[in-house]
Protein backbone atom coordinates (compact mmCIF):
# COMPACT_ATOMS: atom_id res chain seq x y z
CA MET A 1 -1.26 -19.57 -8.01
CA GLN A 2 -2.97 -22.84 -8.80
CA TYR A 3 -6.48 -23.83 -9.77
CA HIS A 4 -8.20 -25.71 -6.99
CA GLY A 5 -11.27 -25.78 -4.79
CA ALA A 6 -14.88 -26.72 -5.36
CA LEU A 7 -15.37 -23.89 -7.82
CA GLY A 8 -12.10 -24.60 -9.60
CA ALA A 9 -11.09 -21.02 -8.94
CA LEU A 10 -7.85 -19.32 -8.19
CA MET A 11 -7.35 -19.24 -4.45
CA PRO A 12 -4.71 -16.85 -3.14
CA VAL A 13 -2.61 -17.84 -0.18
CA GLN A 14 -4.09 -16.52 3.05
CA GLU A 15 -1.80 -14.68 5.40
CA THR A 16 -2.57 -15.12 9.09
CA PHE A 17 -0.86 -13.00 11.70
CA MET A 18 -1.28 -11.77 15.22
CA ILE A 19 -1.44 -8.05 15.69
CA GLY A 20 2.13 -7.29 16.57
CA ARG A 21 1.89 -3.71 17.71
CA PHE A 22 -1.22 -1.98 18.99
CA VAL A 23 -1.39 1.54 20.27
CA PHE A 24 -4.28 2.55 22.50
CA VAL A 25 -4.73 6.27 22.96
CA ALA A 26 -7.26 8.47 24.67
CA ALA A 27 -7.23 10.70 21.65
CA LEU A 28 -6.84 9.84 18.02
CA LEU A 29 -4.59 11.17 15.31
CA ALA A 30 -4.20 14.91 15.09
CA SER A 31 -4.53 17.36 12.24
CA THR A 32 -3.11 14.97 9.62
CA ALA A 33 -6.26 12.92 10.14
CA CYS A 34 -8.85 15.69 10.25
CA SER A 35 -12.01 14.16 8.86
CA ALA A 36 -9.96 12.13 6.38
CA GLN A 37 -8.68 15.36 4.79
CA SER A 38 -9.43 18.99 4.32
CA SER A 39 -11.79 19.12 1.38
CA GLN A 40 -10.66 17.02 -1.55
CA ASN A 41 -9.45 13.49 -2.19
CA GLN A 42 -10.90 11.84 0.89
CA GLY A 43 -11.21 8.57 -0.97
CA THR A 44 -7.59 8.47 -2.13
CA GLN A 45 -5.46 10.32 0.43
CA LYS A 46 -2.68 8.17 1.87
CA LEU A 47 -1.68 8.90 5.44
CA PRO A 48 1.67 7.68 6.80
CA ARG A 49 1.49 4.53 8.89
CA ASN A 50 3.50 6.23 11.63
CA ALA A 51 1.54 9.46 11.70
CA PRO A 52 2.01 11.38 14.95
CA GLU A 53 -0.42 10.76 17.75
CA ALA A 54 -2.05 13.49 19.80
CA THR A 55 -3.24 13.45 23.37
CA VAL A 56 -6.27 15.19 24.80
CA LYS A 57 -7.69 15.68 28.24
CA ASN A 58 -9.24 12.60 29.80
CA VAL A 59 -12.82 13.87 29.81
CA PRO A 60 -15.63 11.84 31.40
CA ALA A 61 -17.70 9.99 28.80
CA THR A 62 -20.83 11.89 29.84
CA THR A 63 -19.48 14.88 27.90
CA GLY A 64 -19.62 12.83 24.74
CA ARG A 65 -15.90 12.99 23.97
CA ALA A 66 -14.27 9.60 23.48
CA ASN A 67 -12.64 8.23 26.63
CA LEU A 68 -10.75 5.12 25.54
CA ARG A 69 -9.08 2.56 27.79
CA GLU A 70 -6.19 0.27 27.00
CA THR A 71 -6.90 -3.45 26.70
CA PRO A 72 -5.13 -6.31 24.91
CA PRO A 73 -6.38 -6.96 21.37
CA PRO A 74 -8.99 -9.73 21.50
CA PHE A 75 -8.59 -10.92 17.92
CA THR A 76 -6.31 -12.44 15.31
CA MET A 77 -6.31 -10.99 11.79
CA THR A 78 -6.24 -13.02 8.60
CA ARG A 79 -5.71 -11.31 5.28
CA ILE A 80 -8.17 -12.93 2.89
CA GLY A 81 -8.01 -10.68 -0.16
CA THR A 82 -6.61 -7.61 -1.85
CA PHE A 83 -8.56 -4.99 -3.80
CA THR A 84 -7.94 -1.64 -5.48
CA GLU A 85 -9.37 1.36 -3.61
CA PRO A 86 -12.18 -0.65 -2.02
CA PHE A 87 -15.07 1.30 -0.57
CA ALA A 88 -17.67 -1.08 0.88
CA LEU A 89 -18.43 -4.76 1.31
CA ALA A 90 -21.49 -6.93 1.80
CA ILE A 91 -21.16 -10.54 2.91
CA LEU A 92 -23.50 -13.12 1.37
CA PRO A 93 -25.24 -15.80 3.48
CA ASN A 94 -22.78 -18.46 2.23
CA GLY A 95 -19.72 -16.39 3.19
CA ALA A 96 -18.92 -14.98 -0.25
CA ALA A 97 -18.62 -11.20 -0.39
CA LEU A 98 -19.33 -8.32 -2.74
CA VAL A 99 -16.74 -5.52 -2.66
CA THR A 100 -17.08 -2.17 -4.40
CA GLU A 101 -14.03 -0.43 -5.80
CA LYS A 102 -14.18 3.31 -6.21
CA ALA A 103 -13.22 3.22 -9.90
CA GLY A 104 -16.53 1.56 -10.76
CA VAL A 105 -15.73 -2.13 -10.34
CA LEU A 106 -17.82 -4.57 -8.30
CA LYS A 107 -16.04 -7.76 -7.29
CA LEU A 108 -17.27 -11.01 -5.82
CA ARG A 109 -14.95 -12.91 -3.52
CA TRP A 110 -15.94 -16.56 -3.56
CA THR A 111 -15.81 -18.71 -0.44
CA ASP A 112 -12.56 -20.34 -1.61
CA GLY A 113 -10.84 -16.97 -1.97
CA ALA A 114 -11.13 -16.49 -5.74
CA VAL A 115 -12.18 -13.03 -6.90
CA ALA A 116 -14.21 -12.27 -10.03
CA ASN A 117 -15.54 -9.09 -11.57
CA VAL A 118 -19.32 -8.69 -11.56
CA GLY A 119 -20.84 -7.57 -14.84
CA GLY A 120 -23.66 -5.08 -15.36
CA VAL A 121 -22.33 -2.37 -13.04
CA PRO A 122 -23.57 1.15 -13.87
CA ARG A 123 -21.21 3.80 -15.19
CA VAL A 124 -19.94 6.00 -12.38
CA ALA A 125 -18.28 9.41 -12.13
CA VAL A 126 -14.95 8.99 -10.37
CA VAL A 127 -14.56 12.55 -9.12
CA ASP A 128 -12.98 13.49 -5.79
CA GLN A 129 -14.95 11.47 -3.22
CA GLY A 130 -17.29 9.97 -5.80
CA GLY A 131 -17.28 6.60 -7.54
CA LEU A 132 -18.90 3.25 -6.86
CA LEU A 133 -19.81 3.54 -3.20
CA ASP A 134 -21.99 1.35 -0.97
CA VAL A 135 -23.34 -2.14 -1.64
CA ALA A 136 -26.06 -3.83 0.41
CA LEU A 137 -27.99 -7.09 0.14
CA ALA A 138 -31.74 -6.71 -0.12
CA PRO A 139 -33.92 -8.02 2.69
CA ARG A 140 -34.63 -11.72 2.07
CA PHE A 141 -31.65 -11.86 -0.29
CA ALA A 142 -31.50 -15.66 -0.19
CA GLY A 143 -34.79 -15.76 -2.08
CA ASN A 144 -34.71 -12.65 -4.28
CA ARG A 145 -30.94 -12.14 -4.87
CA GLY A 146 -31.49 -8.39 -4.73
CA VAL A 147 -28.55 -6.00 -4.45
CA TYR A 148 -28.59 -2.24 -3.80
CA LEU A 149 -25.79 0.09 -4.91
CA THR A 150 -25.02 3.75 -4.37
CA TYR A 151 -22.70 5.65 -6.67
CA SER A 152 -21.92 9.06 -8.11
CA GLU A 153 -23.87 9.18 -11.37
CA PRO A 154 -22.34 11.23 -14.22
CA GLY A 155 -24.25 14.34 -15.29
CA LYS A 156 -23.72 17.29 -17.61
CA THR A 157 -22.51 19.50 -14.77
CA GLY A 158 -20.77 16.96 -12.53
CA ALA A 159 -22.20 14.06 -10.57
CA ALA A 160 -25.11 13.29 -8.28
CA LEU A 161 -25.72 10.52 -5.76
CA ALA A 162 -27.81 7.66 -7.14
CA LEU A 163 -29.40 4.59 -5.55
CA ALA A 164 -29.96 1.54 -7.77
CA HIS A 165 -31.29 -2.00 -7.43
CA ALA A 166 -30.42 -5.11 -9.44
CA THR A 167 -30.55 -8.89 -9.21
CA LEU A 168 -27.31 -10.80 -8.72
CA LYS A 169 -27.07 -13.68 -11.18
CA ILE A 170 -24.45 -16.39 -10.79
CA THR A 171 -23.84 -18.76 -13.70
CA GLN A 172 -21.78 -21.94 -13.55
CA VAL A 173 -19.44 -22.13 -16.55
CA GLN A 174 -18.17 -25.38 -18.02
CA CYS A 175 -14.60 -25.31 -19.30
CA VAL A 176 -12.87 -27.96 -21.40
CA ARG A 177 -9.35 -28.01 -20.01
CA ALA A 178 -9.64 -26.63 -16.50
CA PRO A 179 -12.28 -26.00 -13.87
CA CYS A 180 -13.83 -22.56 -14.22
CA PRO A 181 -15.20 -20.28 -11.53
CA PRO A 182 -18.81 -19.18 -11.89
CA GLN A 183 -19.59 -15.88 -13.58
CA ALA A 184 -21.54 -13.15 -11.81
CA SER A 185 -23.53 -10.23 -13.16
CA LEU A 186 -26.14 -7.68 -12.17
CA GLU A 187 -29.37 -7.98 -14.12
CA GLY A 188 -32.28 -5.59 -14.44
CA LEU A 189 -30.44 -2.69 -12.86
CA ARG A 190 -32.80 0.17 -12.16
CA VAL A 191 -32.06 3.60 -10.67
CA LEU A 192 -34.51 4.11 -7.81
CA TRP A 193 -33.52 7.52 -6.47
CA ARG A 194 -31.31 10.48 -7.32
CA SER A 195 -30.16 13.35 -5.15
CA GLY A 196 -31.17 15.81 -7.85
CA MET A 197 -28.16 18.11 -7.59
CA ASN A 198 -25.05 17.73 -9.73
CA GLY A 199 -21.66 19.26 -9.12
CA VAL A 200 -18.03 18.37 -8.59
CA GLY A 201 -16.48 17.45 -5.27
CA GLY A 202 -17.76 16.96 -1.79
CA GLN A 203 -18.98 14.12 0.35
CA PHE A 204 -21.71 11.82 -0.91
CA GLY A 205 -22.48 9.91 2.31
CA ALA A 206 -24.18 7.10 0.37
CA ASN A 207 -24.59 4.51 3.13
CA ILE A 208 -27.57 2.12 3.04
CA VAL A 209 -29.21 0.32 5.95
CA PHE A 210 -32.55 -1.48 6.05
CA ALA A 211 -35.19 -1.06 8.74
CA PRO A 212 -35.33 -4.04 11.12
CA ASP A 213 -38.61 -5.23 9.57
CA GLY A 214 -37.06 -5.15 6.08
CA LYS A 215 -39.82 -2.98 4.64
CA SER A 216 -37.90 0.27 4.11
CA LEU A 217 -34.37 1.57 3.79
CA PHE A 218 -32.41 4.49 5.18
CA LEU A 219 -29.93 6.34 2.98
CA SER A 220 -27.34 8.89 4.08
CA SER A 221 -26.74 11.84 1.76
CA GLY A 222 -23.77 14.17 2.26
CA GLU A 223 -24.02 17.92 1.79
CA ARG A 224 -21.25 17.94 -0.87
CA GLN A 225 -19.32 20.68 0.99
CA ARG A 226 -22.04 23.19 0.15
CA PHE A 227 -23.11 23.82 3.76
CA THR A 228 -26.54 25.37 3.25
CA PRO A 229 -28.36 22.36 1.69
CA ALA A 230 -28.10 20.55 5.03
CA GLN A 231 -30.61 23.06 6.46
CA ASP A 232 -32.71 23.44 3.30
CA PRO A 233 -35.80 21.20 3.59
CA ASP A 234 -36.22 21.22 -0.19
CA GLN A 235 -32.77 19.75 -0.86
CA ARG A 236 -31.83 16.07 -0.50
CA LEU A 237 -28.25 16.87 0.53
CA GLY A 238 -27.15 16.78 4.16
CA LYS A 239 -30.00 14.46 5.10
CA ILE A 240 -30.85 10.96 6.18
CA LEU A 241 -33.68 9.75 4.00
CA ARG A 242 -36.18 6.97 4.60
CA LEU A 243 -37.41 5.32 1.42
CA THR A 244 -39.49 2.36 0.36
CA LEU A 245 -37.58 -0.56 -1.14
CA ASP A 246 -38.35 0.84 -4.60
CA GLY A 247 -36.97 4.29 -3.77
CA LYS A 248 -40.12 6.27 -2.97
CA ALA A 249 -40.74 8.40 0.12
CA TRP A 250 -41.72 6.26 3.13
CA PRO A 251 -45.36 7.01 4.09
CA GLY A 252 -44.45 7.29 7.78
CA ASN A 253 -41.88 10.04 7.30
CA PRO A 254 -42.36 13.21 9.40
CA ASN A 255 -43.27 15.42 6.41
CA PHE A 256 -44.54 12.80 3.97
CA LYS A 257 -47.53 14.89 2.89
CA ALA A 258 -45.29 17.79 1.85
CA GLY A 259 -43.97 15.92 -1.18
CA GLY A 260 -40.55 16.19 -2.83
CA ALA A 261 -37.39 16.12 -0.73
CA ARG A 262 -39.36 16.98 2.41
CA ALA A 263 -41.40 13.79 2.06
CA GLU A 264 -38.23 11.65 1.84
CA THR A 265 -36.39 13.23 4.76
CA TRP A 266 -36.04 11.41 8.10
CA SER A 267 -33.51 13.79 9.71
CA THR A 268 -31.63 16.89 8.65
CA GLY A 269 -28.53 18.96 9.45
CA HIS A 270 -25.85 16.40 8.50
CA ARG A 271 -22.42 17.05 7.00
CA ASN A 272 -21.05 13.71 5.80
CA PRO A 273 -23.26 11.00 7.33
CA TYR A 274 -21.00 8.08 6.60
CA GLY A 275 -22.19 5.01 8.51
CA LEU A 276 -25.62 3.75 9.60
CA ALA A 277 -26.49 0.80 11.85
CA PHE A 278 -29.46 -0.47 13.83
CA THR A 279 -28.92 -1.95 17.28
CA ALA A 280 -31.10 -4.85 18.43
CA ASP A 281 -33.49 -2.51 20.26
CA GLY A 282 -34.40 -0.82 16.96
CA ARG A 283 -32.41 2.38 17.50
CA LEU A 284 -30.70 3.87 14.45
CA TRP A 285 -27.14 5.12 14.94
CA GLU A 286 -25.16 7.27 12.53
CA GLU A 287 -21.54 8.32 12.51
CA GLU A 288 -20.54 11.45 10.70
CA MET A 289 -17.38 13.19 9.60
CA GLY A 290 -17.05 16.64 11.06
CA PRO A 291 -14.89 19.40 9.55
CA ARG A 292 -11.58 19.95 11.39
CA GLY A 293 -12.47 17.89 14.44
CA GLY A 294 -15.92 17.18 15.75
CA ASP A 295 -16.61 13.75 14.25
CA GLU A 296 -19.93 12.53 15.64
CA LEU A 297 -21.91 9.49 16.69
CA ASN A 298 -25.60 10.36 16.59
CA LEU A 299 -28.79 8.63 17.64
CA ILE A 300 -31.10 9.34 14.72
CA LEU A 301 -34.68 10.30 15.51
CA PRO A 302 -37.41 11.25 13.02
CA GLY A 303 -37.77 14.93 12.25
CA LYS A 304 -34.73 16.02 14.26
CA ASN A 305 -32.11 18.55 13.19
CA TYR A 306 -28.49 17.62 13.96
CA GLY A 307 -27.14 21.11 13.50
CA TRP A 308 -24.73 21.26 10.59
CA PRO A 309 -23.50 23.83 9.57
CA ILE A 310 -24.96 25.94 12.39
CA VAL A 311 -23.10 24.05 15.13
CA SER A 312 -20.25 21.55 15.34
CA ASN A 313 -17.67 20.50 17.90
CA GLY A 314 -15.05 21.09 15.20
CA ASP A 315 -13.86 24.13 13.26
CA ASN A 316 -13.84 25.04 9.58
CA TYR A 317 -10.73 24.08 7.62
CA SER A 318 -9.96 27.78 7.28
CA GLY A 319 -9.57 27.88 11.06
CA GLN A 320 -12.75 29.86 11.54
CA PRO A 321 -14.53 28.53 14.64
CA ILE A 322 -18.03 27.08 14.53
CA PRO A 323 -20.33 27.40 17.56
CA ASP A 324 -20.29 24.22 19.65
CA HIS A 325 -23.38 22.08 20.09
CA PRO A 326 -24.15 23.32 23.63
CA SER A 327 -24.74 26.80 22.20
CA ARG A 328 -27.90 25.53 20.50
CA PRO A 329 -29.77 23.15 22.82
CA ASP A 330 -32.70 23.17 20.38
CA LEU A 331 -30.56 21.12 17.95
CA GLU A 332 -29.63 17.47 18.50
CA ALA A 333 -26.18 16.96 20.00
CA PRO A 334 -24.04 13.87 19.32
CA LYS A 335 -23.98 11.03 21.83
CA ALA A 336 -20.21 10.74 21.35
CA TRP A 337 -17.71 12.89 19.50
CA TRP A 338 -14.04 12.97 18.68
CA ASN A 339 -11.62 15.86 18.67
CA PRO A 340 -9.03 15.37 17.16
CA SER A 341 -10.86 13.60 14.37
CA ILE A 342 -10.93 9.88 13.74
CA SER A 343 -12.48 10.31 10.26
CA PRO A 344 -15.04 7.52 10.71
CA GLY A 345 -15.56 4.94 7.97
CA GLY A 346 -18.08 2.10 7.99
CA MET A 347 -19.92 0.90 11.10
CA ILE A 348 -21.75 -2.21 12.33
CA ALA A 349 -23.83 -3.10 15.36
CA TYR A 350 -22.36 -6.44 16.36
CA SER A 351 -24.73 -9.37 16.96
CA GLY A 352 -22.58 -12.43 16.24
CA ALA A 353 -21.48 -15.49 18.18
CA LEU A 354 -17.68 -15.29 17.93
CA PHE A 355 -17.40 -12.24 20.20
CA PRO A 356 -20.33 -12.68 22.62
CA GLN A 357 -18.87 -10.09 24.99
CA TYR A 358 -19.38 -7.43 22.31
CA ARG A 359 -22.97 -8.15 21.30
CA GLY A 360 -24.87 -4.90 21.00
CA ASN A 361 -21.68 -2.84 20.63
CA LEU A 362 -20.85 -0.65 17.65
CA PHE A 363 -17.63 -1.17 15.72
CA ILE A 364 -16.44 1.85 13.73
CA GLY A 365 -13.65 1.90 11.18
CA ALA A 366 -11.44 4.98 11.39
CA LEU A 367 -9.79 6.38 8.28
CA GLY A 368 -7.62 9.18 9.60
CA GLY A 369 -7.44 7.41 12.95
CA GLN A 370 -6.29 4.19 11.22
CA ALA A 371 -8.09 2.14 13.83
CA LEU A 372 -11.03 -0.05 14.76
CA ILE A 373 -13.06 1.52 17.55
CA ARG A 374 -15.54 -0.17 19.87
CA VAL A 375 -18.45 1.84 21.24
CA ALA A 376 -20.63 0.50 24.05
CA VAL A 377 -24.26 1.56 23.74
CA ASN A 378 -26.97 1.32 26.38
CA GLY A 379 -30.37 2.55 25.31
CA ASP A 380 -29.86 6.09 24.07
CA THR A 381 -26.35 6.54 25.50
CA ALA A 382 -23.02 5.69 23.89
CA ARG A 383 -19.45 5.51 25.14
CA ALA A 384 -16.33 4.89 23.04
CA VAL A 385 -14.29 2.47 25.13
CA GLU A 386 -11.56 0.86 23.02
CA GLN A 387 -9.37 1.61 20.04
CA TRP A 388 -7.14 -0.87 18.25
CA THR A 389 -4.68 0.81 15.91
CA MET A 390 -4.54 -1.04 12.58
CA GLY A 391 -1.77 0.88 10.82
CA ALA A 392 -3.97 1.61 7.80
CA ARG A 393 -7.15 3.51 6.98
CA VAL A 394 -10.15 1.30 7.81
CA ARG A 395 -12.75 2.01 5.14
CA ASP A 396 -15.58 -0.41 5.98
CA VAL A 397 -16.63 -2.97 8.58
CA ALA A 398 -18.96 -5.95 8.15
CA GLN A 399 -20.15 -8.93 10.18
CA ALA A 400 -19.94 -12.36 8.54
CA PRO A 401 -22.58 -15.07 9.05
CA ASP A 402 -20.22 -16.95 11.39
CA GLY A 403 -19.74 -13.86 13.58
CA ALA A 404 -16.28 -12.91 12.30
CA ILE A 405 -15.63 -9.21 11.72
CA TRP A 406 -14.37 -8.26 8.28
CA LEU A 407 -12.56 -5.02 7.46
CA ILE A 408 -11.42 -3.39 4.26
CA GLU A 409 -8.60 -0.89 4.21
CA ASP A 410 -7.99 1.94 1.77
CA GLU A 411 -4.69 0.35 0.81
CA GLY A 412 -6.62 -2.69 -0.41
CA ALA A 413 -6.49 -5.36 2.28
CA LEU A 414 -9.54 -7.43 3.17
CA LEU A 415 -9.12 -8.71 6.74
CA ARG A 416 -11.01 -11.27 8.82
CA LEU A 417 -10.95 -10.87 12.61
CA THR A 418 -11.56 -13.90 14.82
CA PRO A 419 -11.07 -14.39 18.58
CA LYS A 420 -7.51 -14.74 19.75
CA ARG A 421 -6.86 -18.28 20.98
């Protein structure tokens, strides 16, 4: 390592490589990948790189089950960083990136590759699937430097999901003997919202996405493996919530006048709503971990009930079957689903310039599936069409300002995908 670059920071050597071995399968990994794991340790479970693959019937996409075709990989991967149990990333307008680590550390990767810890991060409860979770840049970040975080907040009886806002401050430091990288910290951190239910274990959801007009945010809240809160209108668990930018119930919500959790709720009946993304037509898509099988891609509509735990295309971990979605046509069915599970991670709706052929498509990271999955969407329909096996659990996906696709893996790698030349 040597000091160099405009910021005088440590710049690690970048490793560029072509994807040497891709496996395209019509089905994803079998029971070893079931929704990341059975009930505990989703954030830390290590699956073998050569886990067995399963095959399923080639079902037409109109049924909703993934029907993937084999194509050559269209990208080259460059490893541009290494982190410890990373969970989410947000890329700044200048190409720097914030990365959360589950243990409660927020890191800033500078444009020259140097990595620095960000100060002012709230204390988190690192329990089971909890820790420091999502990070998102506020609308109009270039002017206000606002950052949103979700995390499991410690409580007397466990932990609860919290949403906080702070301002990112970057200070240039002058050193006598060597160039110094800038220092970064969060200032004025304020908790905007809490789930209101403590406990140990379970899925937090915790994904943030902003409405296309930048005036409100959507937050996914997992049901913490408690089942019934997903159908309880007075609980914030198992829901997708729509909030103002300061964490209050959005006035246009379906039950705003009811107050409390009902006023905040946009949709209900979710298990572990992991990823959220808006396509260019303003539709909100959500991907969700099922139990043993039955991972879902849903089109989220206000006031709708997506069925958990009443229906699922998967089964309980005990082996007890759950009625499939077609048994309850009054509940919203997924637009695409996977069985065996892929254990979906982060998701983006691609809009960049480097892969023009994929504009408007969804890219989903797969944890148990150890893959990047492309989903073609057209209006209110979706079809999973390609899978590129990555050989590691893909935790989050982001689009950089230049149109490159960035991935973080549970094992720590930060990867940049660019078109194959």
